[in-house]
Amino acid sequence: MSLAAYERLAELAEAELTACEADRAEDLAGLYAEGEALRAGLTGPPPPEVEPALRRAAAAQERLALLLGARLAERDEDLQHLHRARAAARAYATTAGATVGT
């Protein structure tokens, strides 16, 4: 595999990060498919001259992991809020039903 292939993998990792930062999930399938095709062509250990490209890809993936972790935590907070609101609504409905029935 040429240096250009490793550079393209770094570009794809950076594009994945950019798409996630911009909430453009529709861009991801194409990026994943191209990256998978490139990785399928890699054989043996990478040559030393591709280290900068691999470092770029790793940095983008690290930032992506942090971003997705933060987004997951936000969604978890949203879900917890929804569960609390649902419990409160059930309690209110139960109380209101008991009051109407008396």
N, C-alpha and C. Protein backbone atom coordinates (compact mmCIF):
# COMPACT_ATOMS: atom_id res chain seq x y z
N MET A 1 0.85 -1.18 0.00
CA MET A 1 0.00 0.00 0.00
C MET A 1 0.89 1.23 0.00
N SER A 2 0.48 2.22 -0.70
CA SER A 2 1.28 3.43 -0.83
C SER A 2 1.00 4.39 0.31
N LEU A 3 1.87 5.35 0.42
CA LEU A 3 1.70 6.41 1.42
C LEU A 3 0.36 7.11 1.20
N ALA A 4 -0.05 7.24 -0.05
CA ALA A 4 -1.32 7.91 -0.37
C ALA A 4 -2.50 7.19 0.28
N ALA A 5 -2.46 5.88 0.37
CA ALA A 5 -3.56 5.13 0.99
C ALA A 5 -3.65 5.45 2.48
N TYR A 6 -2.51 5.52 3.13
CA TYR A 6 -2.50 5.85 4.56
C TYR A 6 -2.91 7.30 4.79
N GLU A 7 -2.53 8.18 3.90
CA GLU A 7 -2.96 9.57 3.98
C GLU A 7 -4.48 9.64 3.83
N ARG A 8 -5.01 8.83 2.92
CA ARG A 8 -6.46 8.83 2.71
C ARG A 8 -7.17 8.29 3.95
N LEU A 9 -6.61 7.29 4.61
CA LEU A 9 -7.21 6.79 5.85
C LEU A 9 -7.26 7.88 6.91
N ALA A 10 -6.20 8.67 7.00
CA ALA A 10 -6.18 9.79 7.95
C ALA A 10 -7.25 10.81 7.58
N GLU A 11 -7.37 11.10 6.30
CA GLU A 11 -8.40 12.05 5.84
C GLU A 11 -9.80 11.54 6.15
N LEU A 12 -10.01 10.25 5.98
CA LEU A 12 -11.31 9.66 6.28
C LEU A 12 -11.63 9.75 7.77
N ALA A 13 -10.63 9.49 8.60
CA ALA A 13 -10.84 9.59 10.05
C ALA A 13 -11.19 11.03 10.43
N GLU A 14 -10.51 11.98 9.83
CA GLU A 14 -10.80 13.40 10.11
C GLU A 14 -12.18 13.79 9.58
N ALA A 15 -12.55 13.24 8.44
CA ALA A 15 -13.87 13.52 7.87
C ALA A 15 -14.98 12.92 8.74
N GLU A 16 -14.72 11.74 9.30
CA GLU A 16 -15.68 11.12 10.22
C GLU A 16 -15.88 12.00 11.45
N LEU A 17 -14.80 12.52 11.99
CA LEU A 17 -14.89 13.42 13.13
C LEU A 17 -15.70 14.67 12.77
N THR A 18 -15.39 15.26 11.63
CA THR A 18 -16.09 16.46 11.18
C THR A 18 -17.58 16.18 11.01
N ALA A 19 -17.91 15.06 10.41
CA ALA A 19 -19.32 14.70 10.21
C ALA A 19 -20.04 14.53 11.54
N CYS A 20 -19.39 13.90 12.49
CA CYS A 20 -20.01 13.71 13.80
C CYS A 20 -20.15 15.03 14.54
N GLU A 21 -19.15 15.88 14.43
CA GLU A 21 -19.24 17.20 15.08
C GLU A 21 -20.40 18.01 14.52
N ALA A 22 -20.68 17.84 13.24
CA ALA A 22 -21.74 18.60 12.55
C ALA A 22 -23.08 17.85 12.53
N ASP A 23 -23.16 16.71 13.23
CA ASP A 23 -24.39 15.90 13.25
C ASP A 23 -24.84 15.51 11.85
N ARG A 24 -23.89 15.10 11.01
CA ARG A 24 -24.20 14.68 9.65
C ARG A 24 -24.01 13.17 9.53
N ALA A 25 -24.87 12.42 10.19
CA ALA A 25 -24.77 10.96 10.18
C ALA A 25 -24.88 10.39 8.77
N GLU A 26 -25.57 11.11 7.90
CA GLU A 26 -25.75 10.61 6.53
C GLU A 26 -24.43 10.53 5.76
N ASP A 27 -23.40 11.22 6.23
CA ASP A 27 -22.09 11.18 5.56
C ASP A 27 -21.26 9.97 5.97
N LEU A 28 -21.63 9.32 7.05
CA LEU A 28 -20.76 8.29 7.62
C LEU A 28 -20.68 7.00 6.80
N ALA A 29 -21.77 6.57 6.23
CA ALA A 29 -21.76 5.28 5.51
C ALA A 29 -20.72 5.27 4.40
N GLY A 30 -20.65 6.33 3.62
CA GLY A 30 -19.66 6.39 2.55
C GLY A 30 -18.23 6.41 3.08
N LEU A 31 -18.02 7.14 4.16
CA LEU A 31 -16.68 7.19 4.77
C LEU A 31 -16.28 5.82 5.28
N TYR A 32 -17.22 5.14 5.95
CA TYR A 32 -16.92 3.80 6.48
C TYR A 32 -16.61 2.82 5.35
N ALA A 33 -17.39 2.87 4.28
CA ALA A 33 -17.19 1.94 3.17
C ALA A 33 -15.83 2.16 2.52
N GLU A 34 -15.48 3.41 2.29
CA GLU A 34 -14.17 3.67 1.68
C GLU A 34 -13.04 3.25 2.60
N GLY A 35 -13.17 3.55 3.88
CA GLY A 35 -12.13 3.16 4.83
C GLY A 35 -11.97 1.66 4.93
N GLU A 36 -13.09 0.95 4.92
CA GLU A 36 -13.04 -0.51 4.99
C GLU A 36 -12.33 -1.07 3.76
N ALA A 37 -12.64 -0.52 2.60
CA ALA A 37 -11.99 -0.99 1.37
C ALA A 37 -10.49 -0.73 1.41
N LEU A 38 -10.09 0.43 1.90
CA LEU A 38 -8.66 0.73 2.00
C LEU A 38 -7.97 -0.21 2.99
N ARG A 39 -8.60 -0.40 4.16
CA ARG A 39 -7.98 -1.27 5.17
C ARG A 39 -7.88 -2.71 4.69
N ALA A 40 -8.83 -3.14 3.87
CA ALA A 40 -8.79 -4.51 3.35
C ALA A 40 -7.56 -4.73 2.47
N GLY A 41 -7.08 -3.67 1.86
CA GLY A 41 -5.91 -3.79 1.00
C GLY A 41 -4.58 -3.70 1.74
N LEU A 42 -4.62 -3.41 3.02
CA LEU A 42 -3.37 -3.31 3.79
C LEU A 42 -2.87 -4.69 4.16
N THR A 43 -1.60 -4.88 3.94
CA THR A 43 -0.99 -6.16 4.31
C THR A 43 0.31 -5.89 5.04
N GLY A 44 0.59 -6.70 6.02
CA GLY A 44 1.83 -6.56 6.76
C GLY A 44 1.88 -5.30 7.60
N PRO A 45 2.98 -5.13 8.28
CA PRO A 45 3.12 -3.93 9.11
C PRO A 45 3.27 -2.68 8.25
N PRO A 46 2.78 -1.55 8.74
CA PRO A 46 2.91 -0.33 7.95
C PRO A 46 4.37 0.12 7.88
N PRO A 47 4.75 0.70 6.75
CA PRO A 47 6.12 1.19 6.63
C PRO A 47 6.32 2.43 7.52
N PRO A 48 7.53 2.69 7.95
CA PRO A 48 7.80 3.81 8.86
C PRO A 48 7.36 5.17 8.32
N GLU A 49 7.40 5.36 7.02
CA GLU A 49 7.08 6.67 6.47
C GLU A 49 5.60 7.04 6.59
N VAL A 50 4.74 6.09 6.97
CA VAL A 50 3.32 6.40 7.11
C VAL A 50 2.95 6.79 8.55
N GLU A 51 3.93 6.83 9.42
CA GLU A 51 3.65 7.13 10.83
C GLU A 51 2.88 8.44 11.02
N PRO A 52 3.26 9.53 10.34
CA PRO A 52 2.48 10.77 10.53
C PRO A 52 1.00 10.61 10.16
N ALA A 53 0.72 9.89 9.10
CA ALA A 53 -0.68 9.66 8.70
C ALA A 53 -1.40 8.82 9.74
N LEU A 54 -0.73 7.81 10.27
CA LEU A 54 -1.35 6.98 11.30
C LEU A 54 -1.59 7.77 12.58
N ARG A 55 -0.68 8.67 12.90
CA ARG A 55 -0.86 9.52 14.09
C ARG A 55 -2.05 10.47 13.90
N ARG A 56 -2.21 11.01 12.70
CA ARG A 56 -3.36 11.87 12.41
C ARG A 56 -4.66 11.10 12.57
N ALA A 57 -4.68 9.88 12.01
CA ALA A 57 -5.88 9.05 12.11
C ALA A 57 -6.18 8.71 13.57
N ALA A 58 -5.16 8.37 14.32
CA ALA A 58 -5.35 8.04 15.73
C ALA A 58 -5.84 9.24 16.52
N ALA A 59 -5.31 10.42 16.24
CA ALA A 59 -5.75 11.63 16.94
C ALA A 59 -7.21 11.92 16.63
N ALA A 60 -7.60 11.76 15.37
CA ALA A 60 -9.00 11.99 15.00
C ALA A 60 -9.91 10.98 15.70
N GLN A 61 -9.48 9.73 15.75
CA GLN A 61 -10.29 8.70 16.40
C GLN A 61 -10.39 8.96 17.91
N GLU A 62 -9.34 9.44 18.52
CA GLU A 62 -9.37 9.76 19.95
C GLU A 62 -10.36 10.90 20.22
N ARG A 63 -10.30 11.93 19.38
CA ARG A 63 -11.25 13.06 19.53
C ARG A 63 -12.67 12.59 19.28
N LEU A 64 -12.86 11.68 18.33
CA LEU A 64 -14.18 11.15 18.04
C LEU A 64 -14.71 10.36 19.24
N ALA A 65 -13.87 9.57 19.86
CA ALA A 65 -14.28 8.81 21.04
C ALA A 65 -14.72 9.75 22.17
N LEU A 66 -13.99 10.84 22.36
CA LEU A 66 -14.37 11.81 23.39
C LEU A 66 -15.71 12.47 23.05
N LEU A 67 -15.87 12.85 21.79
CA LEU A 67 -17.11 13.47 21.35
C LEU A 67 -18.30 12.54 21.55
N LEU A 68 -18.15 11.30 21.10
CA LEU A 68 -19.26 10.35 21.22
C LEU A 68 -19.54 10.00 22.68
N GLY A 69 -18.51 9.95 23.50
CA GLY A 69 -18.71 9.72 24.92
C GLY A 69 -19.50 10.84 25.56
N ALA A 70 -19.18 12.08 25.19
CA ALA A 70 -19.92 13.23 25.71
C ALA A 70 -21.37 13.21 25.23
N ARG A 71 -21.56 12.88 23.97
CA ARG A 71 -22.93 12.83 23.44
C ARG A 71 -23.73 11.71 24.09
N LEU A 72 -23.08 10.59 24.36
CA LEU A 72 -23.76 9.49 25.03
C LEU A 72 -24.17 9.90 26.44
N ALA A 73 -23.30 10.61 27.13
CA ALA A 73 -23.63 11.09 28.48
C ALA A 73 -24.81 12.05 28.43
N GLU A 74 -24.85 12.92 27.43
CA GLU A 74 -25.99 13.84 27.27
C GLU A 74 -27.28 13.07 27.04
N ARG A 75 -27.24 12.06 26.17
CA ARG A 75 -28.44 11.28 25.89
C ARG A 75 -28.88 10.52 27.14
N ASP A 76 -27.92 10.05 27.93
CA ASP A 76 -28.26 9.36 29.16
C ASP A 76 -28.97 10.31 30.12
N GLU A 77 -28.49 11.54 30.21
CA GLU A 77 -29.17 12.54 31.05
C GLU A 77 -30.58 12.79 30.55
N ASP A 78 -30.74 12.91 29.24
CA ASP A 78 -32.07 13.11 28.66
C ASP A 78 -32.99 11.94 29.01
N LEU A 79 -32.47 10.73 28.90
CA LEU A 79 -33.25 9.54 29.19
C LEU A 79 -33.64 9.49 30.67
N GLN A 80 -32.71 9.83 31.54
CA GLN A 80 -33.02 9.84 32.97
C GLN A 80 -34.10 10.88 33.27
N HIS A 81 -34.01 12.03 32.64
CA HIS A 81 -35.04 13.07 32.82
C HIS A 81 -36.40 12.55 32.35
N LEU A 82 -36.42 11.87 31.23
CA LEU A 82 -37.66 11.31 30.71
C LEU A 82 -38.25 10.29 31.69
N HIS A 83 -37.41 9.43 32.25
CA HIS A 83 -37.89 8.44 33.21
C HIS A 83 -38.48 9.11 34.45
N ARG A 84 -37.82 10.16 34.94
CA ARG A 84 -38.34 10.88 36.11
C ARG A 84 -39.67 11.55 35.79
N ALA A 85 -39.77 12.15 34.62
CA ALA A 85 -41.01 12.81 34.21
C ALA A 85 -42.14 11.79 34.06
N ARG A 86 -41.83 10.64 33.50
CA ARG A 86 -42.84 9.59 33.32
C ARG A 86 -43.34 9.10 34.68
N ALA A 87 -42.40 8.90 35.62
CA ALA A 87 -42.80 8.45 36.97
C ALA A 87 -43.68 9.50 37.64
N ALA A 88 -43.33 10.77 37.48
CA ALA A 88 -44.14 11.84 38.07
C ALA A 88 -45.52 11.87 37.43
N ALA A 89 -45.59 11.69 36.12
CA ALA A 89 -46.88 11.70 35.43
C ALA A 89 -47.74 10.53 35.88
N ARG A 90 -47.14 9.36 36.06
CA ARG A 90 -47.90 8.20 36.55
C ARG A 90 -48.43 8.46 37.96
N ALA A 91 -47.57 9.01 38.81
CA ALA A 91 -47.99 9.30 40.18
C ALA A 91 -49.14 10.31 40.18
N TYR A 92 -49.04 11.32 39.35
CA TYR A 92 -50.11 12.32 39.25
C TYR A 92 -51.39 11.68 38.73
N ALA A 93 -51.27 10.85 37.70
CA ALA A 93 -52.45 10.21 37.13
C ALA A 93 -53.11 9.30 38.15
N THR A 94 -52.32 8.59 38.92
CA THR A 94 -52.87 7.70 39.95
C THR A 94 -53.61 8.51 41.00
N THR A 95 -52.98 9.60 41.43
CA THR A 95 -53.60 10.48 42.44
C THR A 95 -54.85 11.13 41.89
N ALA A 96 -54.80 11.62 40.67
CA ALA A 96 -55.95 12.27 40.05
C ALA A 96 -57.09 11.28 39.88
N GLY A 97 -56.78 10.05 39.50
CA GLY A 97 -57.81 9.02 39.34
C GLY A 97 -58.47 8.68 40.65
N ALA A 98 -57.69 8.62 41.71
CA ALA A 98 -58.24 8.32 43.03
C ALA A 98 -59.13 9.45 43.50
N THR A 99 -58.76 10.68 43.21
CA THR A 99 -59.54 11.83 43.63
C THR A 99 -60.86 11.90 42.85
N VAL A 100 -60.82 11.65 41.57
CA VAL A 100 -62.03 11.70 40.74
C VAL A 100 -62.99 10.59 41.15
N GLY A 101 -62.49 9.45 41.52
CA GLY A 101 -63.32 8.32 41.87
C GLY A 101 -63.99 8.44 43.24
N THR A 102 -63.56 9.35 44.10
CA THR A 102 -64.15 9.45 45.44
C THR A 102 -65.32 10.37 45.49
